[in-house]
Protein backbone atom coordinates (compact mmCIF):
# COMPACT_ATOMS: atom_id res chain seq x y z
CA MET A 1 -2.70 3.40 -48.72
CA ALA A 2 0.10 1.09 -47.59
CA GLN A 3 1.67 1.20 -44.15
CA CYS A 4 4.75 -0.16 -42.77
CA LYS A 5 3.01 -2.78 -40.92
CA ASP A 6 2.03 -4.09 -44.16
CA CYS A 7 5.62 -4.88 -45.21
CA GLU A 8 7.89 -8.44 -44.75
CA ARG A 9 10.63 -6.10 -43.86
CA PHE A 10 8.78 -4.51 -40.88
CA TYR A 11 9.16 -6.23 -37.34
CA VAL A 12 7.23 -5.24 -34.28
CA LEU A 13 9.10 -4.48 -31.23
CA GLU A 14 7.94 -6.48 -28.25
CA GLU A 15 7.37 -3.45 -26.02
CA ASP A 16 4.84 -1.87 -28.05
CA ASP A 17 2.90 -2.98 -30.99
CA SER A 18 2.76 0.67 -32.87
CA ARG A 19 6.30 0.86 -33.18
CA GLY A 20 8.67 -1.48 -34.98
CA ASP A 21 11.76 -2.18 -37.30
CA CYS A 22 12.58 -1.59 -40.80
CA ILE A 23 15.24 -4.54 -41.36
CA GLN A 24 16.89 -4.66 -44.88
CA LYS A 25 19.75 -6.78 -45.89
CA GLY A 26 23.09 -5.25 -47.40
CA LYS A 27 26.28 -6.86 -48.59
CA ASP A 28 29.71 -5.76 -50.46
CA GLU A 29 32.78 -8.45 -51.54
CA ARG A 30 33.58 -9.01 -48.16
CA GLN A 31 30.62 -9.43 -45.78
CA ALA A 32 26.63 -9.21 -45.50
CA TYR A 33 25.12 -6.91 -42.74
CA PHE A 34 21.62 -5.31 -41.94
CA TYR A 35 20.37 -1.90 -42.04
CA THR A 36 17.67 -1.16 -39.38
CA LYS A 37 15.57 1.69 -39.14
CA PRO A 38 12.79 2.55 -36.45
CA VAL A 39 9.48 3.14 -37.46
CA ARG A 40 6.16 3.56 -36.64
CA ALA A 41 3.62 0.90 -37.72
CA GLU A 42 1.19 3.30 -38.82
CA HIS A 43 3.59 5.22 -41.32
CA GLU A 44 2.54 5.41 -44.88
CA ALA A 45 4.87 3.29 -46.97
CA ASP A 46 3.28 5.10 -50.62
CA GLY A 47 6.85 6.39 -51.12
CA CYS A 48 9.10 3.55 -49.57
CA ASP A 49 11.54 1.92 -52.17
CA SER A 50 12.04 -0.86 -50.20
CA PHE A 51 8.47 -1.54 -49.84
CA HIS A 52 7.47 -5.45 -49.85
CA PRO A 53 3.80 -6.82 -49.46
CA ARG A 54 3.24 -9.26 -46.78
CA LYS A 55 2.38 -12.34 -47.90
CA ASN A 56 -0.66 -14.06 -45.80
């Protein structure tokens, strides 16, 4: 079972190792921007469409 902490888009919060943000890049014809979503590190990512395993 994959977890959010195993995804390259997961960034740990400095205050708390068990939480972080899922950060994804988006863009349209005028600009680029980032989507952020707060998640728990232990959250199961099996059903996540944006999951990309970390490269060690």
